Amino acid sequence: QVQLVESGGGLVQAGGSLRLSCAASGSIFRINAMEWYRQAPGKQRELVAGITSDGSTDYADSVKGRFTISFSRDNAKNTVYLQMNSLKLEDTAVYYCSLDSGWKKYWGQGTQVTVSS
């Protein structure tokens, strides 16, 4: 079993910053990539940012230059972060992290990010 636990969401004013964390634990034998997705009300879930096992990163056009994804491995604890700066109203969504093991994708429970004017 693999568990992903997100934290760091909350309410922030437009222009502000938040840092999301996602701690992965359990029977993790391989990590191809870890990603952040978001889903706003009435919209489909979309990929926000991803980082592969070799450190390559990719971002949705809407967040390039504002969001930064990073990864750390400390003993058995794997954590992916999403630093979100210059937040906009349209960044409001539930943010989910995922772990791609190559044969299965695992999901966290999501954390709410609300940007107010």
C-alpha atoms as a PDB file:
ATOM      1  CA  GLN A   1       0.000   0.000   0.000  1.00  0.00           C
ATOM      2  CA  VAL A   2       1.119   3.520  -0.808  1.00  0.00           C
ATOM      3  CA  GLN A   3      -0.197   6.523   1.070  1.00  0.00           C
ATOM      4  CA  LEU A   4      -0.018  10.116  -0.107  1.00  0.00           C
ATOM      5  CA  VAL A   5      -0.869  12.871   2.337  1.00  0.00           C
ATOM      6  CA  GLU A   6      -1.109  16.474   1.158  1.00  0.00           C
ATOM      7  CA  SER A   7      -0.877  19.522   3.381  1.00  0.00           C
ATOM      8  CA  GLY A   8      -0.358  23.250   3.116  1.00  0.00           C
ATOM      9  CA  GLY A   9      -3.567  24.355   1.473  1.00  0.00           C
ATOM     10  CA  GLY A  10      -5.616  27.234   2.758  1.00  0.00           C
ATOM     11  CA  LEU A  11      -7.006  30.675   2.077  1.00  0.00           C
ATOM     12  CA  VAL A  12      -4.703  33.301   0.618  1.00  0.00           C
ATOM     13  CA  GLN A  13      -5.156  36.692  -1.012  1.00  0.00           C
ATOM     14  CA  ALA A  14      -4.424  37.169  -4.676  1.00  0.00           C
ATOM     15  CA  GLY A  15      -0.724  37.807  -5.168  1.00  0.00           C
ATOM     16  CA  GLY A  16       0.181  35.722  -2.142  1.00  0.00           C
ATOM     17  CA  SER A  17       2.028  32.442  -1.810  1.00  0.00           C
ATOM     18  CA  LEU A  18       1.435  28.952  -0.501  1.00  0.00           C
ATOM     19  CA  ARG A  19       3.584  25.859  -0.312  1.00  0.00           C
ATOM     20  CA  LEU A  20       1.940  22.491  -0.683  1.00  0.00           C
ATOM     21  CA  SER A  21       3.562  19.303   0.556  1.00  0.00           C
ATOM     22  CA  CYS A  22       2.794  15.704  -0.250  1.00  0.00           C
ATOM     23  CA  ALA A  23       4.390  12.943   1.805  1.00  0.00           C
ATOM     24  CA  ALA A  24       4.502   9.519   0.216  1.00  0.00           C
ATOM     25  CA  SER A  25       4.949   6.444   2.352  1.00  0.00           C
ATOM     26  CA  GLY A  26       4.329   2.716   2.268  1.00  0.00           C
ATOM     27  CA  SER A  27       5.457   0.038  -0.171  1.00  0.00           C
ATOM     28  CA  ILE A  28       7.093   2.285  -2.731  1.00  0.00           C
ATOM     29  CA  PHE A  29       9.385   0.264  -4.939  1.00  0.00           C
ATOM     30  CA  ARG A  30       9.719   2.678  -7.779  1.00  0.00           C
ATOM     31  CA  ILE A  31       8.857   6.308  -8.534  1.00  0.00           C
ATOM     32  CA  ASN A  32       8.701   7.301 -12.176  1.00  0.00           C
ATOM     33  CA  ALA A  33       7.242  10.695 -11.435  1.00  0.00           C
ATOM     34  CA  MET A  34       5.320  12.700  -8.909  1.00  0.00           C
ATOM     35  CA  GLU A  35       2.778  15.228 -10.034  1.00  0.00           C
ATOM     36  CA  TRP A  36       0.377  17.866  -8.810  1.00  0.00           C
ATOM     37  CA  TYR A  37      -3.101  18.114 -10.295  1.00  0.00           C
ATOM     38  CA  ARG A  38      -5.954  20.442  -9.474  1.00  0.00           C
ATOM     39  CA  GLN A  39      -9.671  20.427  -9.939  1.00  0.00           C
ATOM     40  CA  ALA A  40     -11.798  23.538  -9.760  1.00  0.00           C
ATOM     41  CA  PRO A  41     -15.581  23.347  -9.275  1.00  0.00           C
ATOM     42  CA  GLY A  42     -17.303  22.293 -12.475  1.00  0.00           C
ATOM     43  CA  LYS A  43     -14.022  21.655 -14.262  1.00  0.00           C
ATOM     44  CA  GLN A  44     -11.979  18.607 -15.117  1.00  0.00           C
ATOM     45  CA  ARG A  45      -8.899  17.682 -13.165  1.00  0.00           C
ATOM     46  CA  GLU A  46      -5.815  19.158 -14.816  1.00  0.00           C
ATOM     47  CA  LEU A  47      -2.107  18.553 -14.526  1.00  0.00           C
ATOM     48  CA  VAL A  48      -0.338  21.468 -12.864  1.00  0.00           C
ATOM     49  CA  ALA A  49       3.256  20.278 -12.515  1.00  0.00           C
ATOM     50  CA  GLY A  50       5.294  17.113 -12.580  1.00  0.00           C
ATOM     51  CA  ILE A  51       8.777  15.953 -11.677  1.00  0.00           C
ATOM     52  CA  THR A  52      10.405  12.749 -12.873  1.00  0.00           C
ATOM     53  CA  SER A  53      12.855  10.504 -11.074  1.00  0.00           C
ATOM     54  CA  ASP A  54      15.761  12.191 -12.868  1.00  0.00           C
ATOM     55  CA  GLY A  55      14.617  15.631 -11.766  1.00  0.00           C
ATOM     56  CA  SER A  56      13.028  16.807 -14.995  1.00  0.00           C
ATOM     57  CA  THR A  57      10.099  19.137 -14.436  1.00  0.00           C
ATOM     58  CA  ASP A  58       7.104  20.202 -16.473  1.00  0.00           C
ATOM     59  CA  TYR A  59       4.424  22.802 -15.862  1.00  0.00           C
ATOM     60  CA  ALA A  60       1.064  23.775 -17.224  1.00  0.00           C
ATOM     61  CA  ASP A  61       1.323  26.997 -19.210  1.00  0.00           C
ATOM     62  CA  SER A  62      -1.012  28.716 -16.766  1.00  0.00           C
ATOM     63  CA  VAL A  63       1.436  28.306 -13.870  1.00  0.00           C
ATOM     64  CA  LYS A  64       4.828  28.616 -15.565  1.00  0.00           C
ATOM     65  CA  GLY A  65       6.990  31.177 -13.847  1.00  0.00           C
ATOM     66  CA  ARG A  66       4.772  31.190 -10.746  1.00  0.00           C
ATOM     67  CA  PHE A  67       4.824  27.598  -9.452  1.00  0.00           C
ATOM     68  CA  THR A  68       7.831  25.426  -8.667  1.00  0.00           C
ATOM     69  CA  ILE A  69       7.758  21.683  -8.046  1.00  0.00           C
ATOM     70  CA  SER A  70      10.497  19.960  -6.074  1.00  0.00           C
ATOM     71  CA  PHE A  71      11.171  16.593  -4.522  1.00  0.00           C
ATOM     72  CA  SER A  72      13.088  15.365  -1.536  1.00  0.00           C
ATOM     73  CA  ARG A  73      13.954  11.896  -0.328  1.00  0.00           C
ATOM     74  CA  ASP A  74      14.923  11.423   3.299  1.00  0.00           C
ATOM     75  CA  ASN A  75      15.394   7.784   4.277  1.00  0.00           C
ATOM     76  CA  ALA A  76      12.035   6.168   3.628  1.00  0.00           C
ATOM     77  CA  LYS A  77      10.159   9.438   3.283  1.00  0.00           C
ATOM     78  CA  ASN A  78       9.498  10.841  -0.175  1.00  0.00           C
ATOM     79  CA  THR A  79       8.024  14.326  -0.302  1.00  0.00           C
ATOM     80  CA  VAL A  80       6.993  16.450  -3.249  1.00  0.00           C
ATOM     81  CA  TYR A  81       6.416  20.173  -2.855  1.00  0.00           C
ATOM     82  CA  LEU A  82       4.616  22.786  -4.875  1.00  0.00           C
ATOM     83  CA  GLN A  83       5.667  26.350  -4.197  1.00  0.00           C
ATOM     84  CA  MET A  84       2.938  28.625  -5.508  1.00  0.00           C
ATOM     85  CA  ASN A  85       3.676  32.329  -5.877  1.00  0.00           C
ATOM     86  CA  SER A  86       1.713  35.224  -7.340  1.00  0.00           C
ATOM     87  CA  LEU A  87      -1.492  33.318  -6.818  1.00  0.00           C
ATOM     88  CA  LYS A  88      -4.506  34.269  -8.890  1.00  0.00           C
ATOM     89  CA  LEU A  89      -8.210  33.812  -8.341  1.00  0.00           C
ATOM     90  CA  GLU A  90      -8.227  31.138 -11.029  1.00  0.00           C
ATOM     91  CA  ASP A  91      -5.777  29.037  -9.027  1.00  0.00           C
ATOM     92  CA  THR A  92      -8.592  28.232  -6.615  1.00  0.00           C
ATOM     93  CA  ALA A  93      -9.090  24.465  -6.665  1.00  0.00           C
ATOM     94  CA  VAL A  94      -8.550  21.232  -4.806  1.00  0.00           C
ATOM     95  CA  TYR A  95      -4.949  20.207  -5.366  1.00  0.00           C
ATOM     96  CA  TYR A  96      -4.033  16.531  -5.551  1.00  0.00           C
ATOM     97  CA  CYS A  97      -0.659  14.906  -5.638  1.00  0.00           C
ATOM     98  CA  SER A  98      -0.006  11.662  -7.456  1.00  0.00           C
ATOM     99  CA  LEU A  99       2.764   9.101  -7.579  1.00  0.00           C
ATOM    100  CA  ASP A 100       3.387   7.227 -10.805  1.00  0.00           C
ATOM    101  CA  SER A 101       5.113   3.934 -10.097  1.00  0.00           C
ATOM    102  CA  GLY A 102       5.120   2.862 -13.723  1.00  0.00           C
ATOM    103  CA  TRP A 103       2.371   0.301 -13.284  1.00  0.00           C
ATOM    104  CA  LYS A 104      -0.014   2.197 -11.044  1.00  0.00           C
ATOM    105  CA  LYS A 105      -0.846   5.771 -10.190  1.00  0.00           C
ATOM    106  CA  TYR A 106      -1.572   6.617  -6.577  1.00  0.00           C
ATOM    107  CA  TRP A 107      -3.516   9.666  -5.400  1.00  0.00           C
ATOM    108  CA  GLY A 108      -3.717  11.736  -2.292  1.00  0.00           C
ATOM    109  CA  GLN A 109      -6.956  12.970  -0.765  1.00  0.00           C
ATOM    110  CA  GLY A 110      -6.495  16.543  -1.941  1.00  0.00           C
ATOM    111  CA  THR A 111      -6.027  19.883  -0.233  1.00  0.00           C
ATOM    112  CA  GLN A 112      -8.144  22.974  -0.846  1.00  0.00           C
ATOM    113  CA  VAL A 113      -6.504  26.157  -2.092  1.00  0.00           C
ATOM    114  CA  THR A 114      -8.702  29.235  -2.137  1.00  0.00           C
ATOM    115  CA  VAL A 115      -7.460  32.544  -3.527  1.00  0.00           C
ATOM    116  CA  SER A 116      -9.486  35.600  -2.579  1.00  0.00           C
ATOM    117  CA  SER A 117      -9.519  39.096  -4.040  1.00  0.00           C
END
